[in-house]
Structures are given as C-alpha cells and as structure tokens.
C-alpha atoms as a PDB file:
ATOM      1  CA  MET A   1       0.011   0.130  -0.081  1.00  0.00           C
ATOM      2  CA  ASP A   2       1.343   3.479  -0.842  1.00  0.00           C
ATOM      3  CA  LEU A   3       2.029   5.514   2.286  1.00  0.00           C
ATOM      4  CA  HIS A   4       1.466   8.695   0.436  1.00  0.00           C
ATOM      5  CA  LYS A   5      -2.073   7.616  -0.771  1.00  0.00           C
ATOM      6  CA  ASN A   6      -4.679  10.361   0.017  1.00  0.00           C
ATOM      7  CA  ILE A   7      -2.361  12.345   2.199  1.00  0.00           C
ATOM      8  CA  GLY A   8      -2.666  16.201   1.923  1.00  0.00           C
ATOM      9  CA  ILE A   9      -0.137  18.871   2.519  1.00  0.00           C
ATOM     10  CA  LEU A  10      -1.209  22.457   2.745  1.00  0.00           C
ATOM     11  CA  LEU A  11       1.547  24.729   1.368  1.00  0.00           C
ATOM     12  CA  ILE A  12       1.458  28.428   2.664  1.00  0.00           C
ATOM     13  CA  HIS A  13       3.525  31.214   1.304  1.00  0.00           C
ATOM     14  CA  GLY A  14       4.812  34.190   3.265  1.00  0.00           C
ATOM     15  CA  PHE A  15       4.290  37.878   3.604  1.00  0.00           C
ATOM     16  CA  THR A  16       4.585  39.735   0.211  1.00  0.00           C
ATOM     17  CA  GLY A  17       5.831  36.502  -1.273  1.00  0.00           C
ATOM     18  CA  ASN A  18       4.270  34.546  -4.070  1.00  0.00           C
ATOM     19  CA  LEU A  19       3.439  30.934  -5.122  1.00  0.00           C
ATOM     20  CA  LYS A  20       6.875  30.673  -6.697  1.00  0.00           C
ATOM     21  CA  THR A  21       8.465  30.538  -3.416  1.00  0.00           C
ATOM     22  CA  LEU A  22       6.958  27.102  -3.007  1.00  0.00           C
ATOM     23  CA  SER A  23       7.033  25.892  -6.448  1.00  0.00           C
ATOM     24  CA  TYR A  24       9.985  23.396  -6.060  1.00  0.00           C
ATOM     25  CA  LEU A  25       8.335  21.651  -3.103  1.00  0.00           C
ATOM     26  CA  LYS A  26       4.734  21.642  -4.600  1.00  0.00           C
ATOM     27  CA  ASP A  27       6.394  19.622  -7.677  1.00  0.00           C
ATOM     28  CA  GLN A  28       8.391  17.349  -5.480  1.00  0.00           C
ATOM     29  CA  PHE A  29       5.424  16.509  -3.088  1.00  0.00           C
ATOM     30  CA  GLU A  30       2.986  15.865  -6.038  1.00  0.00           C
ATOM     31  CA  ASN A  31       5.698  13.791  -7.835  1.00  0.00           C
ATOM     32  CA  ASN A  32       5.752  11.704  -4.723  1.00  0.00           C
ATOM     33  CA  GLY A  33       1.975  11.059  -4.639  1.00  0.00           C
ATOM     34  CA  PHE A  34       0.832  13.806  -2.109  1.00  0.00           C
ATOM     35  CA  ILE A  35      -2.310  15.936  -2.733  1.00  0.00           C
ATOM     36  CA  ILE A  36      -1.281  19.605  -2.486  1.00  0.00           C
ATOM     37  CA  GLU A  37      -3.452  22.634  -1.809  1.00  0.00           C
ATOM     38  CA  MET A  38      -1.566  25.960  -2.120  1.00  0.00           C
ATOM     39  CA  PRO A  39      -3.698  29.079  -1.265  1.00  0.00           C
ATOM     40  CA  SER A  40      -2.970  32.648  -2.734  1.00  0.00           C
ATOM     41  CA  LEU A  41      -3.109  34.703   0.407  1.00  0.00           C
ATOM     42  CA  SER A  42      -5.198  37.843   0.135  1.00  0.00           C
ATOM     43  CA  GLY A  43      -3.419  40.677  -1.452  1.00  0.00           C
ATOM     44  CA  HIS A  44      -0.624  38.604  -2.897  1.00  0.00           C
ATOM     45  CA  ASN A  45       0.134  37.062  -6.320  1.00  0.00           C
ATOM     46  CA  SER A  46      -1.116  40.110  -8.234  1.00  0.00           C
ATOM     47  CA  ASN A  47      -0.185  43.801  -7.507  1.00  0.00           C
ATOM     48  CA  TYR A  48       1.438  45.077  -4.441  1.00  0.00           C
ATOM     49  CA  ARG A  49      -1.148  47.735  -4.064  1.00  0.00           C
ATOM     50  CA  ASP A  50      -3.688  44.878  -3.365  1.00  0.00           C
ATOM     51  CA  LEU A  51      -2.258  44.462  -0.070  1.00  0.00           C
ATOM     52  CA  GLU A  52      -3.175  47.891   1.216  1.00  0.00           C
ATOM     53  CA  LYS A  53      -6.736  46.922   2.492  1.00  0.00           C
ATOM     54  CA  VAL A  54      -6.163  43.449   3.610  1.00  0.00           C
ATOM     55  CA  ASN A  55      -6.170  42.431   7.349  1.00  0.00           C
ATOM     56  CA  TYR A  56      -4.711  39.480   9.075  1.00  0.00           C
ATOM     57  CA  GLU A  57      -8.173  37.775   9.579  1.00  0.00           C
ATOM     58  CA  ASP A  58      -8.314  37.652   5.803  1.00  0.00           C
ATOM     59  CA  TRP A  59      -5.190  35.450   5.774  1.00  0.00           C
ATOM     60  CA  PHE A  60      -6.696  33.331   8.489  1.00  0.00           C
ATOM     61  CA  ASN A  61      -9.760  32.863   6.296  1.00  0.00           C
ATOM     62  CA  ASP A  62      -7.524  31.942   3.391  1.00  0.00           C
ATOM     63  CA  VAL A  63      -5.821  29.186   4.947  1.00  0.00           C
ATOM     64  CA  GLU A  64      -8.839  27.809   6.841  1.00  0.00           C
ATOM     65  CA  ASN A  65     -10.861  27.669   3.692  1.00  0.00           C
ATOM     66  CA  SER A  66      -7.947  25.847   2.001  1.00  0.00           C
ATOM     67  CA  TYR A  67      -7.780  23.281   4.886  1.00  0.00           C
ATOM     68  CA  ARG A  68     -11.427  22.667   4.381  1.00  0.00           C
ATOM     69  CA  LYS A  69     -11.095  22.145   0.636  1.00  0.00           C
ATOM     70  CA  LEU A  70      -8.139  19.902   1.077  1.00  0.00           C
ATOM     71  CA  SER A  71      -9.940  17.825   3.704  1.00  0.00           C
ATOM     72  CA  GLU A  72     -12.631  16.896   1.249  1.00  0.00           C
ATOM     73  CA  LYS A  73     -10.232  15.058  -0.901  1.00  0.00           C
ATOM     74  CA  THR A  74      -7.718  13.591   1.659  1.00  0.00           C
ATOM     75  CA  ASP A  75      -7.762  11.296   4.582  1.00  0.00           C
ATOM     76  CA  LYS A  76      -4.885  13.103   6.573  1.00  0.00           C
ATOM     77  CA  ILE A  77      -3.490  16.550   6.326  1.00  0.00           C
ATOM     78  CA  PHE A  78      -0.216  18.126   7.070  1.00  0.00           C
ATOM     79  CA  ALA A  79       0.470  21.928   6.956  1.00  0.00           C
ATOM     80  CA  PHE A  80       3.757  23.479   5.619  1.00  0.00           C
ATOM     81  CA  GLY A  81       4.564  27.136   5.849  1.00  0.00           C
ATOM     82  CA  LEU A  82       7.179  29.568   4.921  1.00  0.00           C
ATOM     83  CA  SER A  83       7.724  32.766   6.993  1.00  0.00           C
ATOM     84  CA  MET A  84       4.313  34.232   7.831  1.00  0.00           C
ATOM     85  CA  GLY A  85       2.872  30.985   6.140  1.00  0.00           C
ATOM     86  CA  GLY A  86       4.501  29.098   9.142  1.00  0.00           C
ATOM     87  CA  ALA A  87       2.718  31.329  11.659  1.00  0.00           C
ATOM     88  CA  LEU A  88      -0.410  30.563   9.751  1.00  0.00           C
ATOM     89  CA  ALA A  89       0.177  26.879   9.917  1.00  0.00           C
ATOM     90  CA  LEU A  90       0.420  27.009  13.748  1.00  0.00           C
ATOM     91  CA  HIS A  91      -2.688  28.999  13.932  1.00  0.00           C
ATOM     92  CA  LEU A  92      -4.446  26.439  11.702  1.00  0.00           C
ATOM     93  CA  GLN A  93      -3.520  23.521  13.930  1.00  0.00           C
ATOM     94  CA  THR A  94      -5.135  25.338  17.036  1.00  0.00           C
ATOM     95  CA  LYS A  95      -8.435  25.227  15.065  1.00  0.00           C
ATOM     96  CA  PHE A  96      -8.222  21.931  13.373  1.00  0.00           C
ATOM     97  CA  LYS A  97      -6.738  19.425  15.728  1.00  0.00           C
ATOM     98  CA  ASP A  98      -6.702  16.706  13.190  1.00  0.00           C
ATOM     99  CA  ILE A  99      -3.728  18.206  11.323  1.00  0.00           C
ATOM    100  CA  LYS A 100      -1.151  15.497  11.839  1.00  0.00           C
ATOM    101  CA  GLY A 101       1.969  17.581  11.739  1.00  0.00           C
ATOM    102  CA  LEU A 102       3.382  21.013  11.047  1.00  0.00           C
ATOM    103  CA  ILE A 103       6.443  21.916   8.972  1.00  0.00           C
ATOM    104  CA  LEU A 104       7.773  25.377   9.389  1.00  0.00           C
ATOM    105  CA  VAL A 105      10.509  27.101   7.508  1.00  0.00           C
ATOM    106  CA  ASN A 106      11.993  30.249   8.954  1.00  0.00           C
ATOM    107  CA  HIS A 107       8.558  30.997  10.479  1.00  0.00           C
ATOM    108  CA  ALA A 108       7.664  34.388  11.656  1.00  0.00           C
ATOM    109  CA  LEU A 109       6.790  35.081  15.171  1.00  0.00           C
ATOM    110  CA  ILE A 110       8.988  38.180  15.419  1.00  0.00           C
ATOM    111  CA  LEU A 111      10.857  40.568  12.889  1.00  0.00           C
ATOM    112  CA  LYS A 112      14.357  41.724  13.255  1.00  0.00           C
ATOM    113  CA  LYS A 113      14.102  44.821  15.422  1.00  0.00           C
ATOM    114  CA  SER A 114      14.703  48.434  14.099  1.00  0.00           C
ATOM    115  CA  PHE A 115      13.618  51.818  14.859  1.00  0.00           C
ATOM    116  CA  LYS A 116      11.672  52.076  11.725  1.00  0.00           C
ATOM    117  CA  LEU A 117       9.697  48.939  12.499  1.00  0.00           C
ATOM    118  CA  LEU A 118       8.657  50.731  15.943  1.00  0.00           C
ATOM    119  CA  LEU A 119       7.240  53.499  13.888  1.00  0.00           C
ATOM    120  CA  VAL A 120       5.006  51.405  11.576  1.00  0.00           C
ATOM    121  CA  PRO A 121       1.779  51.849  13.483  1.00  0.00           C
ATOM    122  CA  ILE A 122       2.153  55.609  13.061  1.00  0.00           C
ATOM    123  CA  LEU A 123       3.909  55.866   9.574  1.00  0.00           C
ATOM    124  CA  ARG A 124       1.063  53.754   7.982  1.00  0.00           C
ATOM    125  CA  HIS A 125      -1.326  56.653   8.248  1.00  0.00           C
ATOM    126  CA  PHE A 126       1.088  58.865   6.233  1.00  0.00           C
ATOM    127  CA  ILE A 127       3.023  56.448   3.926  1.00  0.00           C
ATOM    128  CA  LYS A 128       1.208  53.778   1.977  1.00  0.00           C
ATOM    129  CA  PHE A 129       4.167  51.884   0.443  1.00  0.00           C
ATOM    130  CA  VAL A 130       7.903  51.671   0.853  1.00  0.00           C
ATOM    131  CA  TYR A 131      10.345  50.190  -1.820  1.00  0.00           C
ATOM    132  CA  ASP A 132      11.979  46.943  -0.676  1.00  0.00           C
ATOM    133  CA  PRO A 133      13.222  45.182  -3.796  1.00  0.00           C
ATOM    134  CA  GLY A 134      14.318  41.603  -3.999  1.00  0.00           C
ATOM    135  CA  SER A 135      14.102  38.539  -1.670  1.00  0.00           C
ATOM    136  CA  ASP A 136      16.380  37.381   0.991  1.00  0.00           C
ATOM    137  CA  ILE A 137      17.745  34.386  -0.959  1.00  0.00           C
ATOM    138  CA  LYS A 138      21.358  33.007  -1.245  1.00  0.00           C
ATOM    139  CA  ASP A 139      20.814  31.718  -4.686  1.00  0.00           C
ATOM    140  CA  LYS A 140      20.893  34.954  -6.803  1.00  0.00           C
ATOM    141  CA  SER A 141      19.395  33.089  -9.779  1.00  0.00           C
ATOM    142  CA  LYS A 142      16.127  33.183  -8.271  1.00  0.00           C
ATOM    143  CA  THR A 143      14.115  36.249  -8.832  1.00  0.00           C
ATOM    144  CA  GLY A 144      10.511  37.400  -8.822  1.00  0.00           C
ATOM    145  CA  LEU A 145       9.661  35.634  -5.554  1.00  0.00           C
ATOM    146  CA  ALA A 146       8.061  38.770  -3.888  1.00  0.00           C
ATOM    147  CA  TYR A 147       6.796  42.373  -4.313  1.00  0.00           C
ATOM    148  CA  ASP A 148       9.239  45.172  -4.661  1.00  0.00           C
ATOM    149  CA  TYR A 149       7.085  47.383  -2.450  1.00  0.00           C
ATOM    150  CA  ILE A 150       5.574  46.775   0.972  1.00  0.00           C
ATOM    151  CA  SER A 151       2.301  48.100   2.204  1.00  0.00           C
ATOM    152  CA  LEU A 152       2.946  49.557   5.674  1.00  0.00           C
ATOM    153  CA  ASN A 153      -0.673  48.863   6.631  1.00  0.00           C
ATOM    154  CA  ALA A 154      -0.372  45.245   5.625  1.00  0.00           C
ATOM    155  CA  LEU A 155       3.019  45.093   7.495  1.00  0.00           C
ATOM    156  CA  TYR A 156       1.082  46.379  10.569  1.00  0.00           C
ATOM    157  CA  GLU A 157      -1.443  43.585  10.063  1.00  0.00           C
ATOM    158  CA  PHE A 158       1.339  41.201   9.995  1.00  0.00           C
ATOM    159  CA  MET A 159       2.843  42.411  13.132  1.00  0.00           C
ATOM    160  CA  LYS A 160      -0.646  42.008  14.785  1.00  0.00           C
ATOM    161  CA  LEU A 161      -0.928  38.417  13.458  1.00  0.00           C
ATOM    162  CA  MET A 162       2.374  37.323  14.972  1.00  0.00           C
ATOM    163  CA  GLU A 163       1.129  38.736  18.280  1.00  0.00           C
ATOM    164  CA  VAL A 164      -2.059  36.883  18.167  1.00  0.00           C
ATOM    165  CA  ILE A 165      -0.361  33.638  17.180  1.00  0.00           C
ATOM    166  CA  LYS A 166       2.109  33.955  19.981  1.00  0.00           C
ATOM    167  CA  GLU A 167      -0.727  33.910  22.284  1.00  0.00           C
ATOM    168  CA  GLU A 168      -2.149  30.899  20.552  1.00  0.00           C
ATOM    169  CA  LEU A 169       1.033  28.704  20.763  1.00  0.00           C
ATOM    170  CA  PRO A 170       0.164  26.765  24.037  1.00  0.00           C
ATOM    171  CA  ASN A 171      -2.785  25.285  22.124  1.00  0.00           C
ATOM    172  CA  VAL A 172      -0.564  23.848  19.225  1.00  0.00           C
ATOM    173  CA  SER A 173      -0.490  20.212  19.942  1.00  0.00           C
ATOM    174  CA  ALA A 174       0.668  18.563  16.710  1.00  0.00           C
ATOM    175  CA  PRO A 175       4.317  17.410  16.100  1.00  0.00           C
ATOM    176  CA  LEU A 176       6.596  20.130  14.494  1.00  0.00           C
ATOM    177  CA  LEU A 177       9.429  19.982  12.085  1.00  0.00           C
ATOM    178  CA  ILE A 178      11.180  23.315  12.248  1.00  0.00           C
ATOM    179  CA  PHE A 179      13.810  24.406   9.541  1.00  0.00           C
ATOM    180  CA  LYS A 180      15.841  27.533  10.387  1.00  0.00           C
ATOM    181  CA  SER A 181      18.444  29.232   8.258  1.00  0.00           C
ATOM    182  CA  LEU A 182      21.499  30.187  10.394  1.00  0.00           C
ATOM    183  CA  GLU A 183      21.773  33.246   8.134  1.00  0.00           C
ATOM    184  CA  ASP A 184      18.425  34.797   8.030  1.00  0.00           C
ATOM    185  CA  HIS A 185      18.185  38.394   7.476  1.00  0.00           C
ATOM    186  CA  VAL A 186      14.318  38.722   8.074  1.00  0.00           C
ATOM    187  CA  ILE A 187      13.250  36.717  10.912  1.00  0.00           C
ATOM    188  CA  PRO A 188      15.572  36.318  14.005  1.00  0.00           C
ATOM    189  CA  TYR A 189      16.438  33.055  15.716  1.00  0.00           C
ATOM    190  CA  GLU A 190      14.309  34.259  18.627  1.00  0.00           C
ATOM    191  CA  SER A 191      11.305  33.196  16.577  1.00  0.00           C
ATOM    192  CA  VAL A 192      12.371  29.591  17.170  1.00  0.00           C
ATOM    193  CA  LEU A 193      13.119  30.010  20.708  1.00  0.00           C
ATOM    194  CA  ILE A 194       9.628  31.474  21.389  1.00  0.00           C
ATOM    195  CA  THR A 195       8.123  28.448  19.593  1.00  0.00           C
ATOM    196  CA  LEU A 196      10.276  26.011  21.722  1.00  0.00           C
ATOM    197  CA  ARG A 197       9.305  27.322  25.045  1.00  0.00           C
ATOM    198  CA  SER A 198       5.609  28.119  24.212  1.00  0.00           C
ATOM    199  CA  VAL A 199       3.998  25.391  22.049  1.00  0.00           C
ATOM    200  CA  GLY A 200       2.077  22.547  23.557  1.00  0.00           C
ATOM    201  CA  SER A 201       3.632  19.834  21.143  1.00  0.00           C
ATOM    202  CA  ASP A 202       5.321  16.920  22.601  1.00  0.00           C
ATOM    203  CA  GLU A 203       7.520  16.378  19.614  1.00  0.00           C
ATOM    204  CA  ILE A 204       9.834  19.048  18.208  1.00  0.00           C
ATOM    205  CA  PHE A 205      12.540  18.496  15.532  1.00  0.00           C
ATOM    206  CA  LEU A 206      14.917  21.311  14.685  1.00  0.00           C
ATOM    207  CA  VAL A 207      17.044  21.389  11.547  1.00  0.00           C
ATOM    208  CA  HIS A 208      19.543  24.082  10.870  1.00  0.00           C
ATOM    209  CA  LEU A 209      20.034  25.151   7.351  1.00  0.00           C
ATOM    210  CA  LYS A 210      23.559  26.265   6.540  1.00  0.00           C
ATOM    211  CA  ASN A 211      23.456  27.364   3.054  1.00  0.00           C
ATOM    212  CA  SER A 212      20.189  29.267   2.640  1.00  0.00           C
ATOM    213  CA  TYR A 213      18.801  32.680   3.623  1.00  0.00           C
ATOM    214  CA  HIS A 214      15.261  33.386   4.426  1.00  0.00           C
ATOM    215  CA  VAL A 215      13.442  32.054   1.347  1.00  0.00           C
ATOM    216  CA  ALA A 216      15.046  28.599   1.974  1.00  0.00           C
ATOM    217  CA  THR A 217      12.295  26.833   0.066  1.00  0.00           C
ATOM    218  CA  GLU A 218      13.880  27.829  -3.209  1.00  0.00           C
ATOM    219  CA  ASP A 219      17.468  28.109  -1.944  1.00  0.00           C
ATOM    220  CA  PHE A 220      20.403  25.858  -1.928  1.00  0.00           C
ATOM    221  CA  ASP A 221      18.853  23.738   0.909  1.00  0.00           C
ATOM    222  CA  LYS A 222      15.470  23.014  -0.520  1.00  0.00           C
ATOM    223  CA  GLU A 223      16.390  19.419  -1.284  1.00  0.00           C
ATOM    224  CA  ILE A 224      17.114  18.984   2.573  1.00  0.00           C
ATOM    225  CA  ILE A 225      13.711  20.727   3.195  1.00  0.00           C
ATOM    226  CA  PHE A 226      11.965  18.192   1.025  1.00  0.00           C
ATOM    227  CA  ASN A 227      13.655  15.087   2.101  1.00  0.00           C
ATOM    228  CA  LYS A 228      13.363  15.802   5.817  1.00  0.00           C
ATOM    229  CA  SER A 229       9.777  16.739   5.341  1.00  0.00           C
ATOM    230  CA  VAL A 230       8.969  13.532   3.647  1.00  0.00           C
ATOM    231  CA  GLU A 231      10.840  11.514   6.457  1.00  0.00           C
ATOM    232  CA  PHE A 232       8.865  13.492   9.139  1.00  0.00           C
ATOM    233  CA  ILE A 233       5.519  12.835   7.444  1.00  0.00           C
ATOM    234  CA  GLU A 234       6.267   9.158   6.853  1.00  0.00           C
ATOM    235  CA  THR A 235       7.330   8.622  10.393  1.00  0.00           C
ATOM    236  CA  ILE A 236       3.950  10.077  11.749  1.00  0.00           C
ATOM    237  CA  LEU A 237       1.967   8.016   9.294  1.00  0.00           C
ATOM    238  CA  ARG A 238       3.773   4.834  10.155  1.00  0.00           C
ATOM    239  CA  ARG A 239       3.118   5.384  13.769  1.00  0.00           C
ATOM    240  CA  GLU A 240      -0.456   6.016  13.285  1.00  0.00           C
ATOM    241  CA  ASN A 241      -0.965   2.893  11.354  1.00  0.00           C
ATOM    242  CA  GLY A 242       0.888   0.665  13.830  1.00  0.00           C
ATOM    243  CA  ASN A 243       3.923   0.308  11.389  1.00  0.00           C
ATOM    244  CA  GLU A 244       1.602  -1.173   8.806  1.00  0.00           C
ATOM    245  CA  PHE A 245       3.707   0.296   6.000  1.00  0.00           C
ATOM    246  CA  CYS A 246       6.998  -0.552   7.318  1.00  0.00           C
END
C-alpha cells in the first residue's frame, strides 16, 4: 500500500511572497504522490497595491478555507508554511486538531528589531508603501519571488498577526518540524526560541540550514527541506498505522 495515498499537504507562502516560493516543493510533493493545496493569500500574487486593504483575519480565512477544501479529498493533512505561512500553519492547527503535523520554514513570530519598525503603527497613516526590492535568498539566480514594495498597513497587520499567534502557541499540539536558516536576514532566531518554550507539542524536531537565507524553500537547501519533510511525514503516518507500511 502506498504510504502517501490520500495524504494532503497544505503549502502556505509568506508575507509579500508569491506561489513561486513554494513551486519546487509543490512539484516534488506531487511527484511523490501527495495531494497539494496551495492558497494564494489575500493581497498577494497580483499587484502590491492589493495588500493595502487586507487584514490578518483575511489570511486566517484563506488558510482555513484551503484546509476545508483539502480535507474533502484527503484522509490526513499536514501543514507546511514559509515565514508568515509558518505562523499561519501554527494558527491553523489550533483550530483543526486533526492536522497531523506542522512543517515550518523560517517561520515568523517576530521581526528583526529596528527603529523604523517601531514607527510602522504611526507611519502607515502617512506612507502607504515603501520600496523593498528583492528577496532574502542566497541563490541569486532566483528572482521574482516577492513584491518590490511593501504596504505599511499590511505590515502592521502582519505584526498584529504574530502577536495573536504567539498567544495561541500553548494550544498547538501537533508534532513540529522546524527548519531555520542560520543566516536569515528577515526573521531572527528568537522566533524558534519562542516556539520551543511556548508550544504544547510533545515532539519538536529542529533542522539548521547552513546554505540558505530566508526564502529557503527555493534556496540551496531546498532538497534537504523536501527530504526531511517526507521523512517527518512518513514517520508520523507509520506510527499512526501501527507500522503497517514498514
């Protein structure tokens, strides 16, 4: 019997990022028999101006609706998130306890501190967008992975989202596989530490990525992410099926 049959993986991209940030993993998972759902978060995958009127509850609704859609065609579901997508995956498992495991890549619970960041709640009333070209990725052949402009109002919503999810962490109960780039210029390592000391999960596995920046899902360590993710999923499935597939 195929261990991957009727197993769904919900892939969730990050803030200002697009579906291309998960294209390698989507293809690899599908080629290995998994059923994939990959929502386009509100305000993304279109024009950067579309982010201006989005709030974090829209992103909650996006992933919850995608989960429901995936649950209609699969027996078991795992959630995989990059950056803000990882935070959304954590939120999702607090609402849907049947999610079997969470895979987080440079997940966002806190941003690198800066004076400008402290001013975002005020500046958003006067400045709509700021220019921020390029993605934090070591493989410079990869381009077009995110907007070149950031909506300050959307950034404020992102900041509120992280605070909400930090409060939800004790309610996260699924096994976690956390990937963290040792050189991430967007999300500090503190995000991992917050997770380790706050989640209710009994099983947490941490993998350090040594050759990738923030967008590790399309960077030089992407094969490690895929292989370790499949290993994590298969371990949980075998255990749930009493080693039936071993």
